[in-house]
Amino acid sequence: MKRNFAFLPSIFGLALVAGLSFLHSSLKAENQHHEHKHAQMHQHDEDAKSNKKVRCAVDGMMMKASAMTEMSHDGKTYYFCNAKQAKMFMAHPDKYLKQISLGPLTLNFNLVTIDEYKEMMQEMGMGGMIKI
């Protein structure tokens, strides 16, 4: 009994095309996943930077770095609650860079007048909180 296998090349061809199509789709999906993961990692780095908390060099308030005014002085970065404080700092940086050492502790302190404090609070929109 003789069998006719003429249909085999066409089935084999279809299977080959289907396999190559699947392979192409898999590689494309893997590449898209890699690109998405890279974008997520970059975004995570940006989010970490924007969520980093720093201390204001004038009043000591802790806030997110992304919400503060950033300025460099003598190669070091300082953060401020607003532009008014940055101007105050730049006018007299030594006034705001005072330190006292007590054994292993180092304390940073700033002396701010009542008028300076009032100006800072008003600049931040918290003038109504002043009870002095």
Protein backbone atom coordinates (compact mmCIF):
# COMPACT_ATOMS: atom_id res chain seq x y z
CA MET A 1 0.00 0.00 0.00
CA LYS A 2 1.42 3.30 -1.08
CA ARG A 3 0.81 6.46 0.95
CA ASN A 4 0.83 9.97 -0.41
CA PHE A 5 2.82 12.40 1.75
CA ALA A 6 2.50 15.41 -0.52
CA PHE A 7 0.83 17.44 2.21
CA LEU A 8 3.83 17.08 4.58
CA PRO A 9 5.96 19.92 3.09
CA SER A 10 3.08 22.36 3.43
CA ILE A 11 2.43 21.33 7.07
CA PHE A 12 6.15 21.51 7.79
CA GLY A 13 6.27 24.97 6.18
CA LEU A 14 3.32 26.18 8.26
CA ALA A 15 4.89 24.80 11.43
CA LEU A 16 8.19 26.51 10.59
CA VAL A 17 6.46 29.85 9.95
CA ALA A 18 4.43 29.49 13.17
CA GLY A 19 7.59 28.62 15.16
CA LEU A 20 9.54 31.56 13.74
CA SER A 21 6.61 33.88 14.40
CA PHE A 22 6.42 32.66 18.01
CA LEU A 23 10.19 33.10 18.45
CA HIS A 24 10.02 36.65 17.02
CA SER A 25 7.11 37.52 19.35
CA SER A 26 8.98 36.08 22.36
CA LEU A 27 12.15 38.04 21.61
CA LYS A 28 10.14 41.23 21.05
CA ALA A 29 8.28 40.75 24.37
CA GLU A 30 11.56 40.07 26.20
CA ASN A 31 13.09 43.24 24.75
CA GLN A 32 10.03 45.29 25.74
CA HIS A 33 10.21 43.82 29.25
CA HIS A 34 13.91 44.76 29.50
CA GLU A 35 13.20 48.33 28.31
CA HIS A 36 10.29 48.64 30.78
CA LYS A 37 12.40 47.32 33.66
CA HIS A 38 15.23 49.76 32.80
CA ALA A 39 12.74 52.64 32.73
CA GLN A 40 11.31 51.51 36.09
CA MET A 41 14.79 51.40 37.66
CA HIS A 42 15.57 54.90 36.35
CA GLN A 43 12.23 56.16 37.68
CA HIS A 44 12.90 54.47 41.05
CA ASP A 45 16.26 56.28 41.26
CA GLU A 46 14.54 59.58 40.49
CA ASP A 47 11.80 58.86 43.07
CA ALA A 48 14.41 58.00 45.71
CA LYS A 49 16.18 61.30 45.08
CA SER A 50 12.95 63.28 45.22
CA ASN A 51 11.84 61.52 48.43
CA LYS A 52 15.19 62.00 50.18
CA LYS A 53 14.74 64.07 53.32
CA VAL A 54 17.25 66.80 54.11
CA ARG A 55 17.62 69.43 56.80
CA CYS A 56 17.26 73.17 56.13
CA ALA A 57 20.59 74.91 56.79
CA VAL A 58 18.83 77.89 58.41
CA ASP A 59 15.94 76.62 60.53
CA GLY A 60 16.76 72.88 60.74
CA MET A 61 13.40 71.75 59.36
CA MET A 62 13.41 68.31 57.67
CA MET A 63 11.71 68.19 54.29
CA LYS A 64 11.90 66.38 50.95
CA ALA A 65 14.89 67.63 48.97
CA SER A 66 12.68 68.02 45.90
CA ALA A 67 10.57 70.65 47.73
CA MET A 68 13.54 72.72 48.90
CA THR A 69 15.85 75.33 47.40
CA GLU A 70 19.29 73.82 46.78
CA MET A 71 22.52 75.82 46.83
CA SER A 72 26.26 75.09 46.91
CA HIS A 73 28.76 76.84 49.16
CA ASP A 74 32.46 75.91 49.42
CA GLY A 75 31.84 72.67 47.52
CA LYS A 76 29.04 71.47 49.80
CA THR A 77 25.32 71.36 48.99
CA TYR A 78 22.89 73.04 51.38
CA TYR A 79 19.09 72.98 51.34
CA PHE A 80 16.64 75.70 52.35
CA CYS A 81 12.89 75.86 52.90
CA ASN A 82 12.65 78.81 50.51
CA ALA A 83 14.63 81.36 48.49
CA LYS A 84 14.52 83.89 51.36
CA GLN A 85 16.48 81.53 53.60
CA ALA A 86 18.97 80.81 50.82
CA LYS A 87 19.58 84.58 50.47
CA MET A 88 19.99 84.93 54.23
CA PHE A 89 22.50 82.07 54.22
CA MET A 90 24.52 83.45 51.31
CA ALA A 91 24.70 86.90 52.92
CA HIS A 92 26.23 85.46 56.14
CA PRO A 93 27.11 81.75 55.73
CA ASP A 94 29.32 81.72 58.84
CA LYS A 95 26.30 82.69 60.94
CA TYR A 96 24.59 79.45 59.90
CA LEU A 97 27.60 77.13 59.98
CA LYS A 98 28.32 77.27 63.71
CA GLN A 99 29.21 74.06 65.54
CA ILE A 100 29.94 73.04 69.10
CA SER A 101 31.63 69.75 69.98
CA LEU A 102 30.70 68.03 73.22
CA GLY A 103 32.79 64.89 73.45
CA PRO A 104 31.73 62.64 70.58
CA LEU A 105 28.74 64.87 69.73
CA THR A 106 28.89 67.72 67.25
CA LEU A 107 26.00 70.17 67.44
CA ASN A 108 25.08 72.56 64.65
CA PHE A 109 23.26 75.67 65.73
CA ASN A 110 21.92 78.86 64.17
CA LEU A 111 20.94 82.12 65.76
CA VAL A 112 17.95 83.73 64.10
CA THR A 113 16.40 87.00 65.26
CA ILE A 114 12.65 87.22 65.83
CA ASP A 115 12.34 89.48 62.78
CA GLU A 116 14.23 86.96 60.61
CA TYR A 117 12.02 84.18 61.96
CA LYS A 118 8.86 86.16 61.14
CA GLU A 119 10.11 86.82 57.59
CA MET A 120 10.92 83.15 57.06
CA MET A 121 7.51 82.03 58.32
CA GLN A 122 5.70 84.57 56.14
CA GLU A 123 7.75 83.50 53.11
CA MET A 124 6.57 79.91 53.68
CA GLY A 125 2.94 81.03 54.03
CA MET A 126 2.88 80.31 57.76
CA GLY A 127 2.81 83.89 59.03
CA GLY A 128 -0.50 83.22 60.80
CA MET A 129 1.23 80.66 63.03
CA ILE A 130 3.47 83.27 64.65
CA LYS A 131 2.41 84.06 68.22
CA ILE A 132 5.40 86.23 69.17
